[in-house]
């Protein structure tokens, strides 16, 4: 009996620049060159969001968020991830990840082909994140400052994405 595969990845959402200089440093994402919030999503084979992490500052890495949340998956399942999770593992889970290019070297043609194949499978998580970000409140700069509202917005949009998939499932 084979367990279904899962995918996980982080997503960033822009926020208004905080007034406090210390908060500015925490929420500044060098990758996006703006102040952001970050969440980690885990999806199933049908692109349903089955796990959403708490909201973290934009400076946090995907791997550190995954280690802090401590979610579990069924034993024997596969977890597809990108190179941002280098060194992350879950016991009893098979991790599928592209191989990094060695420093000062190149990948062999078979390794490049394997990376392309993994990326073509991993595109599902990017499509799922795009389905959640279809709602502009997640995609546009967020100016709500009240505690908990930012988490609630992301949870609601993930729920709407899952609801939409019940009536218009994606076929791969």
Protein backbone atom coordinates (compact mmCIF):
# COMPACT_ATOMS: atom_id res chain seq x y z
CA UNK A 1 0.00 0.00 0.00
CA UNK A 2 1.59 3.25 -1.16
CA UNK A 3 0.83 6.51 0.58
CA UNK A 4 -0.04 9.53 -1.60
CA UNK A 5 2.66 12.12 -2.27
CA UNK A 6 2.74 15.53 -0.60
CA UNK A 7 4.36 18.82 -1.59
CA UNK A 8 5.46 21.69 0.64
CA UNK A 9 6.72 25.18 -0.05
CA UNK A 10 6.78 28.64 1.49
CA UNK A 11 4.95 31.69 0.20
CA UNK A 12 5.51 35.37 0.91
CA UNK A 13 2.87 38.09 1.12
CA UNK A 14 3.69 41.82 1.04
CA UNK A 15 2.81 44.03 4.01
CA UNK A 16 3.02 47.72 4.73
CA UNK A 17 6.45 48.82 5.95
CA UNK A 18 6.46 48.77 9.78
CA UNK A 19 7.21 52.05 11.60
CA UNK A 20 9.56 50.48 14.20
CA UNK A 21 13.14 50.06 12.83
CA UNK A 22 13.59 46.69 14.59
CA UNK A 23 10.38 45.36 13.07
CA UNK A 24 11.51 46.65 9.68
CA UNK A 25 14.59 44.44 9.88
CA UNK A 26 12.56 41.39 10.95
CA UNK A 27 9.97 41.68 8.20
CA UNK A 28 12.33 42.71 5.39
CA UNK A 29 12.80 39.95 2.83
CA UNK A 30 15.96 40.34 0.80
CA UNK A 31 14.55 37.94 -1.78
CA UNK A 32 11.47 40.08 -2.49
CA UNK A 33 13.16 43.41 -1.65
CA UNK A 34 10.17 44.42 0.48
CA UNK A 35 8.56 43.74 3.86
CA UNK A 36 6.69 40.45 3.86
CA UNK A 37 4.96 37.75 5.87
CA UNK A 38 5.70 34.09 5.24
CA UNK A 39 3.64 30.90 5.49
CA UNK A 40 4.38 27.27 4.70
CA UNK A 41 1.80 25.19 2.82
CA UNK A 42 1.55 21.41 2.45
CA UNK A 43 -0.66 20.10 -0.35
CA UNK A 44 -1.96 16.70 -1.40
CA UNK A 45 -1.92 15.09 -4.83
CA UNK A 46 -5.19 16.81 -5.76
CA UNK A 47 -3.69 20.25 -4.84
CA UNK A 48 -5.82 20.61 -1.68
CA UNK A 49 -4.07 22.58 1.05
CA UNK A 50 -3.87 20.12 3.96
CA UNK A 51 -1.59 22.18 6.23
CA UNK A 52 -0.94 25.91 6.68
CA UNK A 53 1.71 27.09 9.12
CA UNK A 54 1.46 30.10 11.37
CA UNK A 55 2.57 33.40 9.89
CA UNK A 56 6.26 34.27 10.26
CA UNK A 57 8.30 37.36 9.42
CA UNK A 58 9.69 37.60 5.88
CA UNK A 59 13.26 37.08 7.04
CA UNK A 60 12.60 33.45 8.11
CA UNK A 61 13.74 30.67 5.76
CA UNK A 62 11.48 27.90 4.47
CA UNK A 63 13.54 25.21 6.21
CA UNK A 64 13.46 26.94 9.61
CA UNK A 65 9.67 27.39 9.37
CA UNK A 66 9.25 23.70 8.48
CA UNK A 67 11.37 22.66 11.47
CA UNK A 68 9.49 25.00 13.85
CA UNK A 69 6.01 23.83 12.81
CA UNK A 70 6.76 20.13 13.29
CA UNK A 71 3.95 18.73 11.15
CA UNK A 72 3.67 15.00 10.48
CA UNK A 73 2.77 12.99 7.40
CA UNK A 74 1.67 9.36 7.07
CA UNK A 75 4.63 6.95 7.27
CA UNK A 76 5.94 5.78 3.90
CA UNK A 77 4.72 8.83 1.97
CA UNK A 78 6.75 10.96 -0.40
CA UNK A 79 7.43 14.67 0.18
CA UNK A 80 8.49 16.85 -2.74
CA UNK A 81 10.44 19.98 -1.85
CA UNK A 82 12.68 22.57 -3.48
CA UNK A 83 16.31 23.44 -2.80
CA UNK A 84 15.31 25.90 -0.06
CA UNK A 85 14.71 22.93 2.26
CA UNK A 86 18.27 21.56 1.95
CA UNK A 87 18.89 19.38 5.02
CA UNK A 88 15.23 19.09 6.10
CA UNK A 89 13.96 15.58 6.84
CA UNK A 90 11.02 13.81 8.47
CA UNK A 91 11.41 10.31 9.90
CA UNK A 92 9.69 7.61 7.86
CA UNK A 93 9.16 9.95 4.89
CA UNK A 94 10.94 9.76 1.53
CA UNK A 95 12.16 13.25 0.55
CA UNK A 96 12.37 14.02 -3.18
CA UNK A 97 14.46 17.10 -3.92
CA UNK A 98 16.51 18.41 -6.87
CA UNK A 99 20.28 18.09 -6.59
CA UNK A 100 22.18 21.32 -6.00
CA UNK A 101 24.97 22.31 -8.37
CA UNK A 102 28.30 21.75 -6.58
CA UNK A 103 30.43 24.83 -5.90
CA UNK A 104 32.60 25.52 -8.93
CA UNK A 105 31.21 22.53 -10.81
CA UNK A 106 28.34 21.42 -12.99
CA UNK A 107 25.68 18.74 -12.85
CA UNK A 108 25.94 15.74 -15.15
CA UNK A 109 23.30 15.37 -17.91
CA UNK A 110 21.46 12.56 -16.01
CA UNK A 111 21.34 14.76 -12.87
CA UNK A 112 19.98 17.66 -14.93
CA UNK A 113 17.31 15.39 -16.42
CA UNK A 114 16.34 14.18 -12.93
CA UNK A 115 16.09 17.79 -11.70
CA UNK A 116 13.84 18.67 -14.66
CA UNK A 117 11.59 15.69 -13.92
CA UNK A 118 11.32 16.61 -10.22
CA UNK A 119 10.55 20.24 -11.13
CA UNK A 120 7.80 19.17 -13.53
CA UNK A 121 6.17 17.23 -10.68
CA UNK A 122 6.83 19.97 -8.11
CA UNK A 123 4.97 22.56 -10.19
CA UNK A 124 1.76 21.46 -8.43
CA UNK A 125 2.68 23.33 -5.25
CA UNK A 126 3.30 26.49 -7.28
CA UNK A 127 -0.11 26.10 -8.92
CA UNK A 128 -1.75 25.59 -5.52
CA UNK A 129 -0.08 28.72 -4.12
CA UNK A 130 -1.25 30.57 -7.23
CA UNK A 131 -4.78 29.29 -6.57
CA UNK A 132 -4.65 30.68 -3.03
CA UNK A 133 -3.19 33.99 -4.25
CA UNK A 134 -6.06 34.33 -6.73
CA UNK A 135 -7.71 36.34 -3.97
CA UNK A 136 -6.26 39.84 -4.05
CA UNK A 137 -6.24 40.30 -0.28
CA UNK A 138 -3.42 37.72 -0.14
CA UNK A 139 -1.54 38.97 -3.19
CA UNK A 140 -1.66 42.75 -2.59
CA UNK A 141 0.09 44.71 0.14
CA UNK A 142 -1.67 44.04 3.44
CA UNK A 143 -2.23 46.97 5.80
CA UNK A 144 -4.18 45.28 8.61
CA UNK A 145 -2.29 45.57 11.89
CA UNK A 146 -4.69 43.87 14.29
CA UNK A 147 -3.31 40.67 15.88
CA UNK A 148 -4.53 37.44 14.27
CA UNK A 149 -6.22 39.04 11.27
CA UNK A 150 -3.33 38.26 8.92
CA UNK A 151 -3.46 34.55 9.85
CA UNK A 152 -7.25 34.51 9.46
CA UNK A 153 -7.04 36.01 5.99
CA UNK A 154 -4.60 33.34 4.79
CA UNK A 155 -6.66 30.53 6.39
CA UNK A 156 -9.83 31.82 4.73
CA UNK A 157 -8.19 32.03 1.31
CA UNK A 158 -6.81 28.47 1.65
CA UNK A 159 -10.30 27.30 2.59
CA UNK A 160 -11.79 29.08 -0.44
CA UNK A 161 -9.15 27.45 -2.65
CA UNK A 162 -10.05 23.99 -1.29
CA UNK A 163 -13.77 24.75 -1.70
CA UNK A 164 -13.22 25.79 -5.31
CA UNK A 165 -11.32 22.55 -6.03
CA UNK A 166 -14.36 20.51 -4.93
CA UNK A 167 -16.32 21.87 -7.90
CA UNK A 168 -13.52 22.43 -10.41
CA UNK A 169 -10.75 19.88 -9.72
CA UNK A 170 -7.39 20.18 -11.47
CA UNK A 171 -6.43 17.24 -13.65
CA UNK A 172 -2.76 16.35 -14.06
